[in-house]
Structures are given as structure tokens and as C-alpha cells.
Amino acid sequence: DVTDYPVYEITSSSLNLQFRHENNEPGPHRIGQMYTPANYGVIGIDWQSGQLTLQIKALDGTVVREQSVDMLKTGAR
């Protein structure tokens, strides 16, 4: 309610410490379930198309969560 555009947050674990297996952290706007094993985050930017790709990856590089954001629609460009 404080901006004219959507705000996105992506949270990954530290590489040396995974989350607890219980999911008791509130997240009313969370997209999908928490991924509790050790993981890392990647933000891909395609300036040509105006797309952001937000990813959570398992330690082997497998994408376990992904969200695309159109920068042109958010006014972020």
C-alpha cells in the first residue's frame, strides 16, 4: 500500500545452513511452499524483454521455485 508498483521479495537459505523442516513462519503473500533444504537464490535480468526471473535452486542447481516478473508492467524499468 505504500508504492504505486508491486514489491517482490525472494529469500534463500545460507549455503551452509538449511531452514528447520517446520514451516511456522507466516507468509500470506507467499507463492508456493517454503523450500527447507539448503538452497541459493538467482535473479536473472533480461533487459531486452524486460523480464526478471527469480529462482530458488537446490545445491545441485535444480530450480525448485521460480517466479517471472514483467518489469514493463511494474514500472521498474
N, C-alpha and C. Protein backbone atom coordinates (compact mmCIF):
# COMPACT_ATOMS: atom_id res chain seq x y z
N ASP A 1 0.81 -1.21 0.00
CA ASP A 1 0.00 0.00 0.00
C ASP A 1 0.85 1.27 0.00
N VAL A 2 2.17 1.16 0.00
CA VAL A 2 3.00 2.35 0.08
C VAL A 2 3.68 2.70 -1.24
N THR A 3 3.51 1.86 -2.28
CA THR A 3 4.11 2.15 -3.58
C THR A 3 3.06 2.04 -4.67
N ASP A 4 3.38 2.60 -5.84
CA ASP A 4 2.49 2.51 -6.99
C ASP A 4 2.75 1.24 -7.80
N TYR A 5 3.69 0.42 -7.35
CA TYR A 5 4.09 -0.78 -8.09
C TYR A 5 4.25 -1.94 -7.11
N PRO A 6 4.19 -3.17 -7.62
CA PRO A 6 4.35 -4.32 -6.71
C PRO A 6 5.79 -4.44 -6.21
N VAL A 7 5.94 -4.96 -5.01
CA VAL A 7 7.26 -5.20 -4.42
C VAL A 7 7.41 -6.71 -4.27
N TYR A 8 8.54 -7.25 -4.73
CA TYR A 8 8.80 -8.68 -4.65
C TYR A 8 9.96 -8.93 -3.70
N GLU A 9 9.88 -10.04 -3.00
CA GLU A 9 10.96 -10.46 -2.10
C GLU A 9 11.23 -11.93 -2.37
N ILE A 10 12.50 -12.28 -2.42
CA ILE A 10 12.88 -13.68 -2.57
C ILE A 10 13.91 -13.96 -1.48
N THR A 11 13.73 -15.05 -0.76
CA THR A 11 14.63 -15.37 0.34
C THR A 11 15.18 -16.77 0.14
N SER A 12 16.50 -16.87 0.16
CA SER A 12 17.14 -18.19 0.07
C SER A 12 17.85 -18.46 1.39
N SER A 13 18.25 -19.72 1.57
CA SER A 13 18.99 -20.06 2.80
C SER A 13 20.45 -19.68 2.61
N SER A 14 21.18 -19.70 3.70
CA SER A 14 22.63 -19.60 3.55
C SER A 14 23.11 -20.95 3.03
N LEU A 15 24.22 -20.98 2.34
CA LEU A 15 24.69 -22.22 1.74
C LEU A 15 25.14 -23.25 2.77
N ASN A 16 25.43 -22.80 3.97
CA ASN A 16 25.93 -23.74 4.97
C ASN A 16 24.92 -24.07 6.06
N LEU A 17 23.69 -23.58 5.95
CA LEU A 17 22.70 -23.82 6.99
C LEU A 17 21.32 -23.87 6.35
N GLN A 18 20.61 -24.95 6.55
CA GLN A 18 19.27 -25.04 5.98
C GLN A 18 18.22 -24.62 6.99
N PHE A 19 17.00 -24.35 6.50
CA PHE A 19 15.89 -23.98 7.37
C PHE A 19 15.45 -25.19 8.18
N ARG A 20 14.77 -24.91 9.28
CA ARG A 20 14.11 -26.01 10.01
C ARG A 20 13.07 -26.62 9.09
N HIS A 21 12.72 -27.85 9.34
CA HIS A 21 11.73 -28.52 8.50
C HIS A 21 10.31 -28.06 8.78
N GLU A 22 10.08 -27.49 9.95
CA GLU A 22 8.74 -26.96 10.23
C GLU A 22 8.56 -25.65 9.48
N ASN A 23 7.36 -25.39 9.03
CA ASN A 23 7.06 -24.14 8.34
C ASN A 23 6.06 -23.37 9.19
N ASN A 24 6.55 -22.66 10.20
CA ASN A 24 5.64 -21.88 11.03
C ASN A 24 5.91 -20.39 10.89
N GLU A 25 6.56 -20.01 9.81
CA GLU A 25 6.79 -18.60 9.51
C GLU A 25 5.61 -18.10 8.67
N PRO A 26 4.91 -17.05 9.12
CA PRO A 26 3.75 -16.58 8.35
C PRO A 26 4.17 -16.00 6.99
N GLY A 27 3.34 -16.19 6.01
CA GLY A 27 3.62 -15.66 4.68
C GLY A 27 2.35 -15.58 3.85
N PRO A 28 1.46 -14.65 4.16
CA PRO A 28 0.16 -14.61 3.47
C PRO A 28 0.28 -14.33 1.97
N HIS A 29 1.40 -13.77 1.53
CA HIS A 29 1.57 -13.47 0.10
C HIS A 29 2.57 -14.41 -0.54
N ARG A 30 2.99 -15.44 0.16
CA ARG A 30 3.99 -16.37 -0.34
C ARG A 30 3.43 -17.12 -1.55
N ILE A 31 4.27 -17.27 -2.56
CA ILE A 31 3.91 -18.05 -3.74
C ILE A 31 4.54 -19.42 -3.58
N GLY A 32 3.75 -20.43 -3.36
CA GLY A 32 4.26 -21.79 -3.16
C GLY A 32 4.70 -22.00 -1.73
N GLN A 33 5.14 -23.23 -1.44
CA GLN A 33 5.59 -23.60 -0.11
C GLN A 33 7.06 -23.24 0.08
N MET A 34 7.48 -23.10 1.34
CA MET A 34 8.90 -22.89 1.62
C MET A 34 9.68 -24.12 1.16
N TYR A 35 10.90 -23.90 0.73
CA TYR A 35 11.80 -24.99 0.38
C TYR A 35 12.86 -25.04 1.47
N THR A 36 12.81 -26.06 2.34
CA THR A 36 13.64 -26.05 3.54
C THR A 36 15.05 -26.61 3.41
N PRO A 37 15.36 -27.50 2.44
CA PRO A 37 16.76 -27.93 2.33
C PRO A 37 17.66 -26.74 1.93
N ALA A 38 18.97 -26.90 2.14
CA ALA A 38 19.92 -25.84 1.77
C ALA A 38 19.71 -25.46 0.31
N ASN A 39 19.76 -24.16 0.01
CA ASN A 39 19.47 -23.67 -1.33
C ASN A 39 20.15 -22.32 -1.54
N TYR A 40 20.04 -21.81 -2.77
CA TYR A 40 20.55 -20.47 -3.06
C TYR A 40 19.62 -19.80 -4.06
N GLY A 41 19.70 -18.47 -4.13
CA GLY A 41 18.82 -17.70 -4.99
C GLY A 41 19.55 -17.14 -6.19
N VAL A 42 18.83 -17.02 -7.31
CA VAL A 42 19.36 -16.44 -8.54
C VAL A 42 18.33 -15.45 -9.07
N ILE A 43 18.81 -14.27 -9.46
CA ILE A 43 17.94 -13.28 -10.11
C ILE A 43 18.48 -13.09 -11.51
N GLY A 44 17.67 -13.46 -12.51
CA GLY A 44 18.05 -13.28 -13.90
C GLY A 44 17.37 -12.04 -14.46
N ILE A 45 18.11 -11.23 -15.20
CA ILE A 45 17.55 -10.00 -15.79
C ILE A 45 17.73 -10.07 -17.29
N ASP A 46 16.62 -10.00 -18.02
CA ASP A 46 16.65 -9.93 -19.48
C ASP A 46 16.23 -8.51 -19.86
N TRP A 47 17.22 -7.65 -20.10
CA TRP A 47 16.95 -6.24 -20.38
C TRP A 47 16.20 -6.07 -21.69
N GLN A 48 16.44 -6.95 -22.65
CA GLN A 48 15.77 -6.83 -23.97
C GLN A 48 14.26 -7.00 -23.85
N SER A 49 13.84 -8.03 -23.09
CA SER A 49 12.41 -8.31 -22.98
C SER A 49 11.77 -7.65 -21.76
N GLY A 50 12.61 -7.12 -20.85
CA GLY A 50 12.07 -6.50 -19.64
C GLY A 50 11.57 -7.52 -18.63
N GLN A 51 12.18 -8.71 -18.60
CA GLN A 51 11.75 -9.77 -17.69
C GLN A 51 12.79 -10.03 -16.61
N LEU A 52 12.30 -10.20 -15.38
CA LEU A 52 13.11 -10.69 -14.27
C LEU A 52 12.70 -12.13 -14.03
N THR A 53 13.65 -12.97 -13.70
CA THR A 53 13.35 -14.33 -13.28
C THR A 53 13.96 -14.52 -11.90
N LEU A 54 13.12 -14.81 -10.92
CA LEU A 54 13.55 -15.03 -9.55
C LEU A 54 13.52 -16.53 -9.31
N GLN A 55 14.65 -17.10 -8.92
CA GLN A 55 14.72 -18.55 -8.74
C GLN A 55 15.33 -18.92 -7.40
N ILE A 56 14.84 -20.01 -6.84
CA ILE A 56 15.48 -20.70 -5.73
C ILE A 56 15.97 -22.02 -6.31
N LYS A 57 17.25 -22.33 -6.06
CA LYS A 57 17.83 -23.55 -6.61
C LYS A 57 18.35 -24.44 -5.48
N ALA A 58 18.19 -25.75 -5.67
CA ALA A 58 18.80 -26.72 -4.78
C ALA A 58 20.31 -26.68 -4.99
N LEU A 59 21.07 -27.26 -4.08
CA LEU A 59 22.52 -27.20 -4.19
C LEU A 59 23.06 -27.84 -5.46
N ASP A 60 22.30 -28.76 -6.08
CA ASP A 60 22.74 -29.37 -7.33
C ASP A 60 22.38 -28.53 -8.55
N GLY A 61 21.77 -27.35 -8.34
CA GLY A 61 21.42 -26.45 -9.43
C GLY A 61 20.01 -26.60 -9.97
N THR A 62 19.26 -27.58 -9.47
CA THR A 62 17.89 -27.77 -9.89
C THR A 62 17.02 -26.60 -9.42
N VAL A 63 16.22 -26.03 -10.32
CA VAL A 63 15.30 -24.96 -9.95
C VAL A 63 14.14 -25.57 -9.17
N VAL A 64 13.93 -25.11 -7.92
CA VAL A 64 12.85 -25.64 -7.09
C VAL A 64 11.71 -24.64 -6.89
N ARG A 65 11.97 -23.37 -7.11
CA ARG A 65 10.94 -22.33 -7.09
C ARG A 65 11.32 -21.29 -8.14
N GLU A 66 10.32 -20.76 -8.84
CA GLU A 66 10.61 -19.76 -9.87
C GLU A 66 9.42 -18.83 -10.02
N GLN A 67 9.72 -17.56 -10.21
CA GLN A 67 8.69 -16.55 -10.46
C GLN A 67 9.23 -15.57 -11.48
N SER A 68 8.45 -15.28 -12.51
CA SER A 68 8.84 -14.27 -13.50
C SER A 68 8.11 -12.98 -13.21
N VAL A 69 8.79 -11.87 -13.48
CA VAL A 69 8.23 -10.54 -13.24
C VAL A 69 8.44 -9.72 -14.50
N ASP A 70 7.38 -9.12 -15.01
CA ASP A 70 7.45 -8.25 -16.18
C ASP A 70 7.76 -6.83 -15.70
N MET A 71 8.99 -6.36 -15.93
CA MET A 71 9.39 -5.04 -15.45
C MET A 71 8.59 -3.93 -16.13
N LEU A 72 8.15 -4.17 -17.35
CA LEU A 72 7.39 -3.14 -18.07
C LEU A 72 6.04 -2.88 -17.40
N LYS A 73 5.42 -3.92 -16.87
CA LYS A 73 4.11 -3.77 -16.21
C LYS A 73 4.24 -3.20 -14.81
N THR A 74 5.43 -3.39 -14.17
CA THR A 74 5.58 -2.91 -12.80
C THR A 74 6.09 -1.48 -12.74
N GLY A 75 6.55 -0.95 -13.86
CA GLY A 75 7.11 0.39 -13.86
C GLY A 75 8.53 0.42 -13.34
N ALA A 76 9.17 -0.74 -13.27
CA ALA A 76 10.52 -0.83 -12.69
C ALA A 76 11.63 -0.50 -13.69
N ARG A 77 11.28 -0.23 -14.90
CA ARG A 77 12.31 -0.01 -15.91
C ARG A 77 12.64 1.43 -16.08
